[in-house]
Amino acid sequence: MKVVFVVIDALPNSLVSQEWTPNLWDLITEGDWNSSGGRSVLSTATYPNHATFATGRLPSSHGIFTNRVWDGDQFTISSDVGPAGDTLFKSAKRKDLECVTVVGDHHLIGVMGAGDSSRVWPPEGKRADVALDEFRYAADTSVLDAIDAIDLVSADFSFVHFNEPDTVCHLHGPDSEETRFRIRQTDGVLGKFLERLKPAWEDTVVIVVSDHDQEFVVEYGFDLADALNQRGLSGVVEYEGTAALVFGGPALTELNLIPEIEGGVSLDEHHNLVWGKPGHVFGPWLDGLHGSHGSPRCETQVAVVGGGHPQAKLLAGLISKKRPMAWEWARHINDLLRLDLQV
């Protein structure tokens, strides 16, 4: 059996359709999906959810709550730290299965601990000298070229990430025409990738997900760190779009007294995540960016299963009946490939 896990970054579940994602729609018609989508972990950001995809565990276990993590002294990009504990990549390696990873966002190699794959691209998790998108991540066409160059389709387990929908959502907002047309282009690249899988289709399970949704930005830059300081409250703040992580700060009851905070949740004994009203961004934010994520409002993930292997039909039927959680995918992959992932 071959298992192919594809993440289309920030693909809105609402745009999964014959009109905007015809290749993904064809995969649905031969498999199935959950029309309500799956559910992400908090924060609804790329790196916490990819760490969860790789580990089958919540951020309270793998340690990545936002795109940057507390390293003991400061918040630093999570690719420099990686997930705590076991990963699919380690487990596949222990079972002597060929695992190949190709990602548009080079930081994901470190974020997921994917360096334990048999082969990775871009090498060493560093930005490659290829065509890039507006945020200088590998263009979707560059990802497809890398899939060919690294012979990903021969692997027992493969992980693929397309980044461009996230970039265009940030630039123009999730409901914009620019986003719709770019997503159609990404779907075209996905279709070419799926064609490469056809020779072994009867032995293949394909899972296609997104990591989070986005919301349109209507208000910029509430300074939560300053608000805590003015109230004499402790805590180090890490901004994550329409949410903010407070490390070592006050209890949620005190945080909820700040008028700009609409809600919050305790992620573990040291980390509280808070969010504001719809479209309200915390902290510094670049003018001209119209989409963001971080809050629970962006929790919906695309959830599609297809492929020619009989197990594809079984898994597709399962996820169509109950919204899959982000952490469940690694456990499904573990069962399909008979790994020994420690969750």
Foldseek 3Di string as FASTA:
>chain_A
DAEEEEAEAQQDLVLPDCVQQVLLVVQCVQAHWASQFFFAAFQLEDLQLLLLLFALDHCVQQVDRAQWGDPPPDTDGQLVPETPAFTPLVQCVVVVFAEEEFEQQLSSCSSNVVVSHPYYPPPPSDQDPADADPVSTHALVSSLVVCVVVVRLVGRYYYYYHYVLVVVCQQPNCPDPSSSNVSSVSSVSVNVVVVVNVVVQQVYKYKYKYRWHKFWADADADEVVVVCVVVVWDFDWDWFFQKIKTFQTDDQVVVVVPQQWPDWDAPDPGIIMTGGPGNHGHHDDDPSTTIGGRDSVTTGMIIGMGTNYPVSNVVSVVCNVPRHYSSVNSVVVCVVVVTDRDD
